[in-house]
Every structure is written in C-alpha cells, then in structure tokens.
Amino acid sequence: MSRIRFSIITPTWNQAEFIRDTMDSVLTQSRRDLEYIIVDNCSDDGTEEIVRSYMEKDPRIVYIREPDHGQAEAINKGLKRAKGEIVAWLNSDDLYLDEHVLERVDRAFCRYPDAGLVVGDAWYCDKDKNLTEYNPADRKVPKWVIRRWYYIVQPAVFWRNRGALLDEKYHYVFDWKFFIEAYAKEKVHYTGIPFALYRMYEDNKTGQNNAKRKLEIFRLQKELGDSKANTAWCYRVYQLYRWAEKEGGENAKKRIDFLCKLLFHLSGKRLVSF
C-alpha cells in the first residue's frame, strides 16, 4: 500500500458553529489520499456529535478527544500521529478555498522537488464566508523579515513531514516561531494562488489583540536575539497594552496599533510588534 500523501490536522475546542465547514472543505478534496486528524480539547458544545457523525461515513478521520494545555499541544498531538508525506493544520473556523487545493499543492511539490514548504495566498472572510480582504503570502521582502513580522497566513501553508513540532511554551506565537524555523531550514515556494479562507470576526480579533500576545512577541524576539532595539520596542508595546487593558480601553489600543504600524514603515520593518 502506498504511503498517505496528506495529513491535515484540525485542533478544536467548542467550534460547533464552524467545524462542519472546515471538515467539508477537507473531506471533499479531489485528492482522496489523506488522513484527517481532529484533536478536540473535550468540547461540550456539540462538536463531538458532529465529528462522530462524519466518522460514520468517512474512515479517513482520526478523532483524538482529550484535554490539552493549549493549541500548540493539540497540534503537536496530530503532528506526532501524522503519516502523510505532506502536512498542514487547519483551524476549526477556517477552510480551504475549494475542492482542488490539495491537488494544486501536490502539483507544486512535484514541480519543485527541492521545496520544503509550499505557501499559498488566502482570503480573509467574515463569519458567513463573505470575502473581505486578499492576503498575498509573498511580500517580496528579504528572508530575515519573517523574524520580525509574521506576514504569512498559516492555513495556506503546507510542508514536507520531517517530524517538526511546535514550541508548546507559547500560546499565541507558536505558529510564528514554527515558520521562522522552517523558513531557515527549508526552501520555500510561493504559488501566488489562494488556498484558504481565514475567518476574521470579533471574537477572533479580540482573542488575539491583547497584552498576553504582546508579551509573547517580546519573549520570542528576546529568544531570537536579533535586535536589542526591536526587543526593547516589543517590551514597551507590551507595557502600553497592559496599561490600556487596565485604564485606557479599546481606543487606547487603537492608538497604540497606529503608532506600531507607523514605526513599522518608518523603520523599514525593523521595529515591529504585531
């Protein structure tokens, strides 16, 4: 029996509202040689019932339902289980653009056999899948920029399965660190083709735009050790966000975000904290 070509991993927790869209976008792919690993942190909103109803019809689904300590740990459980030559993870509120995404990804890996990662573009969309903004992956920037600015959209990235895992000490920037390391080790092929829809909605934005994430950005920059100036700036932004959450409110955060983006452009992408 030939080896499975793709392993797609979906970490989930209480996303019954969206997970059908996610699962349909994987299981209806024209490339059928895949395993679909769903790692559920004991959802109590009906997610389990939805997943098990799909399992009755599709043996390619592997369902892991057990407690975890964060999204990075959940994805790692899937990565450790993955048998596919090519792997990716797709969060349970995102989805692939159409049924031919894996076919296009496979063609790209075959055409560029030295590529370790194949990276596509993505659309942002709202809760109802209305397209809102196009996000190109290739920003035509030097390779070092990804160490300061996380500009790719994770659902549109696929890589060769060489056993790489996420750093579980991070809860917000684990994906950023993963791709920093992957970009340093592997040749990257940008397709310029949209692969995924990334849902952006209020709960999603609020969950990411907080002082805890800013603190992790500072810690990651400190760990990388590329720039004392950028590390200091990231710590200052964390302090400002912590103040805003106690005293200033959302308008204060918006002013901080504007300052960050202004400095990002003025510094030639060397001072970054978003």
C-alpha atoms as a PDB file:
ATOM      1  CA  MET A   1       0.000   0.000   0.000  1.00  0.00           C
ATOM      2  CA  SER A   2       1.382   3.429  -0.934  1.00  0.00           C
ATOM      3  CA  ARG A   3       2.007   5.961   1.783  1.00  0.00           C
ATOM      4  CA  ILE A   4      -0.656   8.573   2.559  1.00  0.00           C
ATOM      5  CA  ARG A   5       0.103  11.780   0.683  1.00  0.00           C
ATOM      6  CA  PHE A   6      -1.512  14.331   3.033  1.00  0.00           C
ATOM      7  CA  SER A   7      -2.143  14.624   6.764  1.00  0.00           C
ATOM      8  CA  ILE A   8      -4.393  17.542   7.696  1.00  0.00           C
ATOM      9  CA  ILE A   9      -4.762  18.389  11.392  1.00  0.00           C
ATOM     10  CA  THR A  10      -7.587  20.386  12.943  1.00  0.00           C
ATOM     11  CA  PRO A  11      -7.320  21.416  16.593  1.00  0.00           C
ATOM     12  CA  THR A  12     -10.669  22.378  18.052  1.00  0.00           C
ATOM     13  CA  TRP A  13     -12.455  23.460  21.173  1.00  0.00           C
ATOM     14  CA  ASN A  14     -16.126  24.465  21.160  1.00  0.00           C
ATOM     15  CA  GLN A  15     -16.320  25.420  17.487  1.00  0.00           C
ATOM     16  CA  ALA A  16     -19.518  23.576  16.569  1.00  0.00           C
ATOM     17  CA  GLU A  17     -20.690  26.733  14.781  1.00  0.00           C
ATOM     18  CA  PHE A  18     -17.934  26.430  12.171  1.00  0.00           C
ATOM     19  CA  ILE A  19     -16.451  22.949  12.193  1.00  0.00           C
ATOM     20  CA  ARG A  20     -18.782  21.491   9.562  1.00  0.00           C
ATOM     21  CA  ASP A  21     -17.455  23.999   7.014  1.00  0.00           C
ATOM     22  CA  THR A  22     -13.889  23.119   7.975  1.00  0.00           C
ATOM     23  CA  MET A  23     -14.440  19.375   7.770  1.00  0.00           C
ATOM     24  CA  ASP A  24     -16.332  19.604   4.476  1.00  0.00           C
ATOM     25  CA  SER A  25     -13.510  21.642   2.936  1.00  0.00           C
ATOM     26  CA  VAL A  26     -11.023  18.871   3.791  1.00  0.00           C
ATOM     27  CA  LEU A  27     -13.078  15.762   3.134  1.00  0.00           C
ATOM     28  CA  THR A  28     -14.397  16.909  -0.278  1.00  0.00           C
ATOM     29  CA  GLN A  29     -10.902  17.471  -1.694  1.00  0.00           C
ATOM     30  CA  SER A  30     -10.346  15.868  -5.092  1.00  0.00           C
ATOM     31  CA  ARG A  31      -7.158  14.337  -3.683  1.00  0.00           C
ATOM     32  CA  ARG A  32      -8.556  11.483  -1.642  1.00  0.00           C
ATOM     33  CA  ASP A  33      -5.272  10.062  -0.300  1.00  0.00           C
ATOM     34  CA  LEU A  34      -5.343  11.890   3.010  1.00  0.00           C
ATOM     35  CA  GLU A  35      -5.874  11.347   6.690  1.00  0.00           C
ATOM     36  CA  TYR A  36      -7.764  13.953   8.655  1.00  0.00           C
ATOM     37  CA  ILE A  37      -6.757  14.210  12.312  1.00  0.00           C
ATOM     38  CA  ILE A  38      -9.109  16.184  14.566  1.00  0.00           C
ATOM     39  CA  VAL A  39      -7.797  16.952  18.053  1.00  0.00           C
ATOM     40  CA  ASP A  40     -10.594  18.050  20.378  1.00  0.00           C
ATOM     41  CA  ASN A  41      -9.968  19.562  23.828  1.00  0.00           C
ATOM     42  CA  CYS A  42     -13.157  17.932  25.186  1.00  0.00           C
ATOM     43  CA  SER A  43     -15.637  20.323  23.567  1.00  0.00           C
ATOM     44  CA  ASP A  44     -19.063  20.433  25.225  1.00  0.00           C
ATOM     45  CA  ASP A  45     -20.982  22.367  22.549  1.00  0.00           C
ATOM     46  CA  GLY A  46     -21.916  19.532  20.189  1.00  0.00           C
ATOM     47  CA  THR A  47     -18.584  19.325  18.357  1.00  0.00           C
ATOM     48  CA  GLU A  48     -18.134  15.676  19.352  1.00  0.00           C
ATOM     49  CA  GLU A  49     -21.506  14.675  17.923  1.00  0.00           C
ATOM     50  CA  ILE A  50     -20.731  16.453  14.636  1.00  0.00           C
ATOM     51  CA  VAL A  51     -17.321  14.795  14.278  1.00  0.00           C
ATOM     52  CA  ARG A  52     -18.647  11.329  15.088  1.00  0.00           C
ATOM     53  CA  SER A  53     -21.444  11.696  12.540  1.00  0.00           C
ATOM     54  CA  TYR A  54     -18.797  12.345   9.875  1.00  0.00           C
ATOM     55  CA  MET A  55     -16.707   9.400  11.094  1.00  0.00           C
ATOM     56  CA  GLU A  56     -19.589   7.036  10.400  1.00  0.00           C
ATOM     57  CA  LYS A  57     -19.281   7.902   6.708  1.00  0.00           C
ATOM     58  CA  ASP A  58     -15.548   8.556   6.256  1.00  0.00           C
ATOM     59  CA  PRO A  59     -12.818   6.242   7.624  1.00  0.00           C
ATOM     60  CA  ARG A  60     -10.095   8.803   6.885  1.00  0.00           C
ATOM     61  CA  ILE A  61     -10.982  10.727  10.053  1.00  0.00           C
ATOM     62  CA  VAL A  62      -8.895  10.174  13.175  1.00  0.00           C
ATOM     63  CA  TYR A  63     -10.537  11.704  16.261  1.00  0.00           C
ATOM     64  CA  ILE A  64      -8.490  12.451  19.374  1.00  0.00           C
ATOM     65  CA  ARG A  65     -10.654  13.741  22.214  1.00  0.00           C
ATOM     66  CA  GLU A  66      -8.732  14.531  25.401  1.00  0.00           C
ATOM     67  CA  PRO A  67      -7.678  17.548  27.487  1.00  0.00           C
ATOM     68  CA  ASP A  68      -4.730  19.642  26.356  1.00  0.00           C
ATOM     69  CA  HIS A  69      -2.876  22.706  27.620  1.00  0.00           C
ATOM     70  CA  GLY A  70      -3.239  24.839  24.537  1.00  0.00           C
ATOM     71  CA  GLN A  71      -3.450  24.845  20.780  1.00  0.00           C
ATOM     72  CA  ALA A  72       0.247  24.089  20.250  1.00  0.00           C
ATOM     73  CA  GLU A  73      -0.016  20.889  22.284  1.00  0.00           C
ATOM     74  CA  ALA A  74      -3.152  19.861  20.390  1.00  0.00           C
ATOM     75  CA  ILE A  75      -1.496  20.373  17.000  1.00  0.00           C
ATOM     76  CA  ASN A  76       1.603  18.502  18.170  1.00  0.00           C
ATOM     77  CA  LYS A  77      -0.571  15.514  19.044  1.00  0.00           C
ATOM     78  CA  GLY A  78      -1.709  15.492  15.440  1.00  0.00           C
ATOM     79  CA  LEU A  79       1.779  16.034  14.032  1.00  0.00           C
ATOM     80  CA  LYS A  80       3.130  13.115  16.059  1.00  0.00           C
ATOM     81  CA  ARG A  81       0.320  10.921  14.728  1.00  0.00           C
ATOM     82  CA  ALA A  82       0.588  12.109  11.101  1.00  0.00           C
ATOM     83  CA  LYS A  83       1.579   9.523   8.491  1.00  0.00           C
ATOM     84  CA  GLY A  84       1.323  11.776   5.444  1.00  0.00           C
ATOM     85  CA  GLU A  85       4.241  12.922   3.328  1.00  0.00           C
ATOM     86  CA  ILE A  86       2.837  16.469   3.374  1.00  0.00           C
ATOM     87  CA  VAL A  87       1.274  18.015   6.464  1.00  0.00           C
ATOM     88  CA  ALA A  88      -0.677  21.118   7.412  1.00  0.00           C
ATOM     89  CA  TRP A  89      -3.073  22.262  10.079  1.00  0.00           C
ATOM     90  CA  LEU A  90      -6.391  23.961   9.522  1.00  0.00           C
ATOM     91  CA  ASN A  91      -8.088  25.601  12.488  1.00  0.00           C
ATOM     92  CA  SER A  92     -11.714  24.725  13.097  1.00  0.00           C
ATOM     93  CA  ASP A  93     -13.074  28.084  11.976  1.00  0.00           C
ATOM     94  CA  ASP A  94     -11.031  28.239   8.741  1.00  0.00           C
ATOM     95  CA  LEU A  95     -11.485  26.322   5.489  1.00  0.00           C
ATOM     96  CA  TYR A  96      -9.882  25.544   2.162  1.00  0.00           C
ATOM     97  CA  LEU A  97     -10.904  27.686  -0.764  1.00  0.00           C
ATOM     98  CA  ASP A  98     -12.253  24.868  -2.954  1.00  0.00           C
ATOM     99  CA  GLU A  99     -12.031  21.117  -3.537  1.00  0.00           C
ATOM    100  CA  HIS A 100      -8.856  21.315  -5.646  1.00  0.00           C
ATOM    101  CA  VAL A 101      -6.476  22.894  -3.121  1.00  0.00           C
ATOM    102  CA  LEU A 102      -4.602  19.696  -2.235  1.00  0.00           C
ATOM    103  CA  GLU A 103      -4.329  18.838  -5.915  1.00  0.00           C
ATOM    104  CA  ARG A 104      -2.642  22.200  -6.578  1.00  0.00           C
ATOM    105  CA  VAL A 105      -0.371  21.762  -3.568  1.00  0.00           C
ATOM    106  CA  ASP A 106       0.661  18.302  -4.762  1.00  0.00           C
ATOM    107  CA  ARG A 107       1.490  19.637  -8.228  1.00  0.00           C
ATOM    108  CA  ALA A 108       3.642  22.363  -6.683  1.00  0.00           C
ATOM    109  CA  PHE A 109       5.634  19.883  -4.576  1.00  0.00           C
ATOM    110  CA  CYS A 110       6.120  17.652  -7.628  1.00  0.00           C
ATOM    111  CA  ARG A 111       7.190  20.555  -9.829  1.00  0.00           C
ATOM    112  CA  TYR A 112       9.573  21.931  -7.175  1.00  0.00           C
ATOM    113  CA  PRO A 113      11.010  18.800  -5.520  1.00  0.00           C
ATOM    114  CA  ASP A 114      13.599  20.799  -3.551  1.00  0.00           C
ATOM    115  CA  ALA A 115      10.881  22.854  -1.829  1.00  0.00           C
ATOM    116  CA  GLY A 116      10.257  22.021   1.813  1.00  0.00           C
ATOM    117  CA  LEU A 117       7.274  24.365   2.083  1.00  0.00           C
ATOM    118  CA  VAL A 118       4.594  25.327  -0.403  1.00  0.00           C
ATOM    119  CA  VAL A 119       2.859  28.568   0.548  1.00  0.00           C
ATOM    120  CA  GLY A 120      -0.348  29.910  -0.914  1.00  0.00           C
ATOM    121  CA  ASP A 121      -2.290  33.126  -0.567  1.00  0.00           C
ATOM    122  CA  ALA A 122      -5.517  33.435   1.415  1.00  0.00           C
ATOM    123  CA  TRP A 123      -8.693  35.413   1.699  1.00  0.00           C
ATOM    124  CA  TYR A 124      -9.929  36.892   4.941  1.00  0.00           C
ATOM    125  CA  CYS A 125     -13.661  36.398   5.347  1.00  0.00           C
ATOM    126  CA  ASP A 126     -16.365  37.123   7.896  1.00  0.00           C
ATOM    127  CA  LYS A 127     -18.426  34.634   9.881  1.00  0.00           C
ATOM    128  CA  ASP A 128     -20.659  33.995   6.866  1.00  0.00           C
ATOM    129  CA  LYS A 129     -17.713  33.386   4.496  1.00  0.00           C
ATOM    130  CA  ASN A 130     -18.113  36.732   2.731  1.00  0.00           C
ATOM    131  CA  LEU A 131     -14.697  37.672   1.360  1.00  0.00           C
ATOM    132  CA  THR A 132     -13.265  40.815   2.943  1.00  0.00           C
ATOM    133  CA  GLU A 133      -9.554  41.122   2.082  1.00  0.00           C
ATOM    134  CA  TYR A 134      -6.999  39.328  -0.088  1.00  0.00           C
ATOM    135  CA  ASN A 135      -3.765  38.389   1.663  1.00  0.00           C
ATOM    136  CA  PRO A 136      -0.774  37.614  -0.597  1.00  0.00           C
ATOM    137  CA  ALA A 137       1.847  35.408   1.055  1.00  0.00           C
ATOM    138  CA  ASP A 138       4.867  36.601  -0.898  1.00  0.00           C
ATOM    139  CA  ARG A 139       5.543  40.153   0.282  1.00  0.00           C
ATOM    140  CA  LYS A 140       8.777  40.444  -1.753  1.00  0.00           C
ATOM    141  CA  VAL A 141      10.784  41.090   1.386  1.00  0.00           C
ATOM    142  CA  PRO A 142      14.204  39.794   2.491  1.00  0.00           C
ATOM    143  CA  LYS A 143      14.155  36.406   4.197  1.00  0.00           C
ATOM    144  CA  TRP A 144      15.050  37.909   7.603  1.00  0.00           C
ATOM    145  CA  VAL A 145      11.819  39.918   7.744  1.00  0.00           C
ATOM    146  CA  ILE A 146       9.748  36.922   8.893  1.00  0.00           C
ATOM    147  CA  ARG A 147      11.766  37.018  12.137  1.00  0.00           C
ATOM    148  CA  ARG A 148      10.239  40.453  12.876  1.00  0.00           C
ATOM    149  CA  TRP A 149       6.922  40.410  11.008  1.00  0.00           C
ATOM    150  CA  TYR A 150       4.627  37.382  10.735  1.00  0.00           C
ATOM    151  CA  TYR A 151       3.108  38.052   7.341  1.00  0.00           C
ATOM    152  CA  ILE A 152       2.031  34.632   6.052  1.00  0.00           C
ATOM    153  CA  VAL A 153      -1.438  33.180   6.620  1.00  0.00           C
ATOM    154  CA  GLN A 154      -0.987  29.813   8.321  1.00  0.00           C
ATOM    155  CA  PRO A 155      -3.957  27.875   6.779  1.00  0.00           C
ATOM    156  CA  ALA A 156      -2.365  28.295   3.327  1.00  0.00           C
ATOM    157  CA  VAL A 157       0.979  26.665   4.240  1.00  0.00           C
ATOM    158  CA  PHE A 158       1.933  23.029   3.600  1.00  0.00           C
ATOM    159  CA  TRP A 159       5.267  21.352   4.350  1.00  0.00           C
ATOM    160  CA  ARG A 160       7.111  18.073   3.987  1.00  0.00           C
ATOM    161  CA  ASN A 161       6.679  15.878   7.025  1.00  0.00           C
ATOM    162  CA  ARG A 162      10.108  15.750   8.656  1.00  0.00           C
ATOM    163  CA  GLY A 163       8.833  15.471  12.222  1.00  0.00           C
ATOM    164  CA  ALA A 164       8.977  19.181  13.132  1.00  0.00           C
ATOM    165  CA  LEU A 165       6.891  20.193  16.167  1.00  0.00           C
ATOM    166  CA  LEU A 166       5.616  23.408  17.723  1.00  0.00           C
ATOM    167  CA  ASP A 167       7.070  25.063  20.828  1.00  0.00           C
ATOM    168  CA  GLU A 168       4.402  24.459  23.475  1.00  0.00           C
ATOM    169  CA  LYS A 169       5.617  27.161  25.846  1.00  0.00           C
ATOM    170  CA  TYR A 170       3.947  29.685  23.529  1.00  0.00           C
ATOM    171  CA  HIS A 171       0.173  30.048  23.242  1.00  0.00           C
ATOM    172  CA  TYR A 172      -0.091  32.940  20.758  1.00  0.00           C
ATOM    173  CA  VAL A 173       3.098  32.943  18.652  1.00  0.00           C
ATOM    174  CA  PHE A 174       3.840  29.213  18.408  1.00  0.00           C
ATOM    175  CA  ASP A 175       2.968  29.230  14.696  1.00  0.00           C
ATOM    176  CA  TRP A 176       5.199  32.237  14.039  1.00  0.00           C
ATOM    177  CA  LYS A 177       8.201  30.552  15.697  1.00  0.00           C
ATOM    178  CA  PHE A 178       7.477  27.312  13.833  1.00  0.00           C
ATOM    179  CA  PHE A 179       7.617  29.049  10.462  1.00  0.00           C
ATOM    180  CA  ILE A 180      10.676  31.126  11.387  1.00  0.00           C
ATOM    181  CA  GLU A 181      12.496  27.846  11.979  1.00  0.00           C
ATOM    182  CA  ALA A 182      11.019  26.206   8.872  1.00  0.00           C
ATOM    183  CA  TYR A 183      11.954  29.155   6.642  1.00  0.00           C
ATOM    184  CA  ALA A 184      15.522  28.970   7.963  1.00  0.00           C
ATOM    185  CA  LYS A 185      15.865  25.245   7.181  1.00  0.00           C
ATOM    186  CA  GLU A 186      13.775  24.746   4.055  1.00  0.00           C
ATOM    187  CA  LYS A 187      13.391  26.191   0.594  1.00  0.00           C
ATOM    188  CA  VAL A 188      10.054  27.983   0.265  1.00  0.00           C
ATOM    189  CA  HIS A 189       7.940  28.020  -2.878  1.00  0.00           C
ATOM    190  CA  TYR A 190       5.256  30.717  -3.131  1.00  0.00           C
ATOM    191  CA  THR A 191       2.474  29.739  -5.516  1.00  0.00           C
ATOM    192  CA  GLY A 192       0.627  33.060  -5.718  1.00  0.00           C
ATOM    193  CA  ILE A 193      -2.588  31.015  -5.633  1.00  0.00           C
ATOM    194  CA  PRO A 194      -5.229  31.358  -2.894  1.00  0.00           C
ATOM    195  CA  PHE A 195      -5.575  28.158  -0.872  1.00  0.00           C
ATOM    196  CA  ALA A 196      -7.639  29.098   2.177  1.00  0.00           C
ATOM    197  CA  LEU A 197     -10.270  31.265   3.806  1.00  0.00           C
ATOM    198  CA  TYR A 198      -9.281  32.701   7.177  1.00  0.00           C
ATOM    199  CA  ARG A 199     -12.235  33.810   9.259  1.00  0.00           C
ATOM    200  CA  MET A 200     -11.812  37.202  10.917  1.00  0.00           C
ATOM    201  CA  TYR A 201     -14.586  38.137  13.322  1.00  0.00           C
ATOM    202  CA  GLU A 202     -14.918  39.978  16.608  1.00  0.00           C
ATOM    203  CA  ASP A 203     -14.223  37.092  18.990  1.00  0.00           C
ATOM    204  CA  ASN A 204     -11.258  36.049  16.872  1.00  0.00           C
ATOM    205  CA  LYS A 205      -9.768  39.562  16.752  1.00  0.00           C
ATOM    206  CA  THR A 206     -10.309  40.254  20.444  1.00  0.00           C
ATOM    207  CA  GLY A 207      -8.727  36.953  21.408  1.00  0.00           C
ATOM    208  CA  GLN A 208      -5.531  37.869  19.564  1.00  0.00           C
ATOM    209  CA  ASN A 209      -5.299  41.582  20.287  1.00  0.00           C
ATOM    210  CA  ASN A 210      -4.237  41.563  23.928  1.00  0.00           C
ATOM    211  CA  ALA A 211      -1.326  42.160  26.280  1.00  0.00           C
ATOM    212  CA  LYS A 212      -0.635  38.438  26.696  1.00  0.00           C
ATOM    213  CA  ARG A 213       0.105  38.138  22.991  1.00  0.00           C
ATOM    214  CA  LYS A 214       2.299  41.252  23.089  1.00  0.00           C
ATOM    215  CA  LEU A 215       4.243  39.700  25.956  1.00  0.00           C
ATOM    216  CA  GLU A 216       4.832  36.560  23.907  1.00  0.00           C
ATOM    217  CA  ILE A 217       6.025  38.658  20.958  1.00  0.00           C
ATOM    218  CA  PHE A 218       8.567  40.278  23.278  1.00  0.00           C
ATOM    219  CA  ARG A 219       9.677  36.887  24.614  1.00  0.00           C
ATOM    220  CA  LEU A 220      10.039  35.482  21.107  1.00  0.00           C
ATOM    221  CA  GLN A 221      12.104  38.464  19.976  1.00  0.00           C
ATOM    222  CA  LYS A 222      14.271  38.133  23.063  1.00  0.00           C
ATOM    223  CA  GLU A 223      14.740  34.420  22.360  1.00  0.00           C
ATOM    224  CA  LEU A 224      15.687  35.099  18.728  1.00  0.00           C
ATOM    225  CA  GLY A 225      18.207  37.722  19.852  1.00  0.00           C
ATOM    226  CA  ASP A 226      18.336  39.540  16.507  1.00  0.00           C
ATOM    227  CA  SER A 227      17.881  43.109  17.705  1.00  0.00           C
ATOM    228  CA  LYS A 228      18.067  44.680  21.141  1.00  0.00           C
ATOM    229  CA  ALA A 229      16.215  47.714  19.798  1.00  0.00           C
ATOM    230  CA  ASN A 230      13.309  45.683  18.461  1.00  0.00           C
ATOM    231  CA  THR A 231      13.166  43.571  21.623  1.00  0.00           C
ATOM    232  CA  ALA A 232      13.010  46.743  23.731  1.00  0.00           C
ATOM    233  CA  TRP A 233      10.276  48.166  21.493  1.00  0.00           C
ATOM    234  CA  CYS A 234       8.226  44.961  21.811  1.00  0.00           C
ATOM    235  CA  TYR A 235       8.511  45.150  25.596  1.00  0.00           C
ATOM    236  CA  ARG A 236       7.372  48.785  25.518  1.00  0.00           C
ATOM    237  CA  VAL A 237       4.332  47.861  23.419  1.00  0.00           C
ATOM    238  CA  TYR A 238       3.508  45.115  25.917  1.00  0.00           C
ATOM    239  CA  GLN A 239       3.643  47.666  28.747  1.00  0.00           C
ATOM    240  CA  LEU A 240       1.392  50.056  26.809  1.00  0.00           C
ATOM    241  CA  TYR A 241      -1.113  47.280  26.099  1.00  0.00           C
ATOM    242  CA  ARG A 242      -1.139  46.222  29.722  1.00  0.00           C
ATOM    243  CA  TRP A 243      -1.889  49.839  30.701  1.00  0.00           C
ATOM    244  CA  ALA A 244      -4.589  50.093  28.003  1.00  0.00           C
ATOM    245  CA  GLU A 245      -6.358  46.988  29.302  1.00  0.00           C
ATOM    246  CA  LYS A 246      -6.387  48.390  32.834  1.00  0.00           C
ATOM    247  CA  GLU A 247      -7.004  52.074  32.177  1.00  0.00           C
ATOM    248  CA  GLY A 248      -7.225  53.108  28.538  1.00  0.00           C
ATOM    249  CA  GLY A 249      -9.695  50.804  26.840  1.00  0.00           C
ATOM    250  CA  GLU A 250     -10.014  49.799  23.188  1.00  0.00           C
ATOM    251  CA  ASN A 251      -9.464  53.324  21.827  1.00  0.00           C
ATOM    252  CA  ALA A 252      -6.088  53.413  23.541  1.00  0.00           C
ATOM    253  CA  LYS A 253      -5.211  50.100  21.898  1.00  0.00           C
ATOM    254  CA  LYS A 254      -6.145  51.530  18.502  1.00  0.00           C
ATOM    255  CA  ARG A 255      -3.795  54.460  19.057  1.00  0.00           C
ATOM    256  CA  ILE A 256      -1.010  52.088  20.079  1.00  0.00           C
ATOM    257  CA  ASP A 257      -1.667  49.967  16.971  1.00  0.00           C
ATOM    258  CA  PHE A 258      -1.468  53.068  14.772  1.00  0.00           C
ATOM    259  CA  LEU A 259       1.872  54.013  16.344  1.00  0.00           C
ATOM    260  CA  CYS A 260       3.164  50.462  15.807  1.00  0.00           C
ATOM    261  CA  LYS A 261       2.235  50.479  12.132  1.00  0.00           C
ATOM    262  CA  LEU A 262       3.744  53.935  11.617  1.00  0.00           C
ATOM    263  CA  LEU A 263       7.026  52.897  13.197  1.00  0.00           C
ATOM    264  CA  PHE A 264       6.964  49.635  11.226  1.00  0.00           C
ATOM    265  CA  HIS A 265       7.014  51.572   7.953  1.00  0.00           C
ATOM    266  CA  LEU A 266       9.411  54.292   9.101  1.00  0.00           C
ATOM    267  CA  SER A 267      11.940  51.726  10.356  1.00  0.00           C
ATOM    268  CA  GLY A 268      11.941  49.648   7.182  1.00  0.00           C
ATOM    269  CA  LYS A 269      10.222  46.736   9.001  1.00  0.00           C
ATOM    270  CA  ARG A 270      12.935  46.648  11.674  1.00  0.00           C
ATOM    271  CA  LEU A 271      10.811  47.752  14.622  1.00  0.00           C
ATOM    272  CA  VAL A 272       7.731  45.563  14.734  1.00  0.00           C
ATOM    273  CA  SER A 273       5.267  44.390  17.372  1.00  0.00           C
ATOM    274  CA  PHE A 274       2.179  42.908  15.689  1.00  0.00           C
END
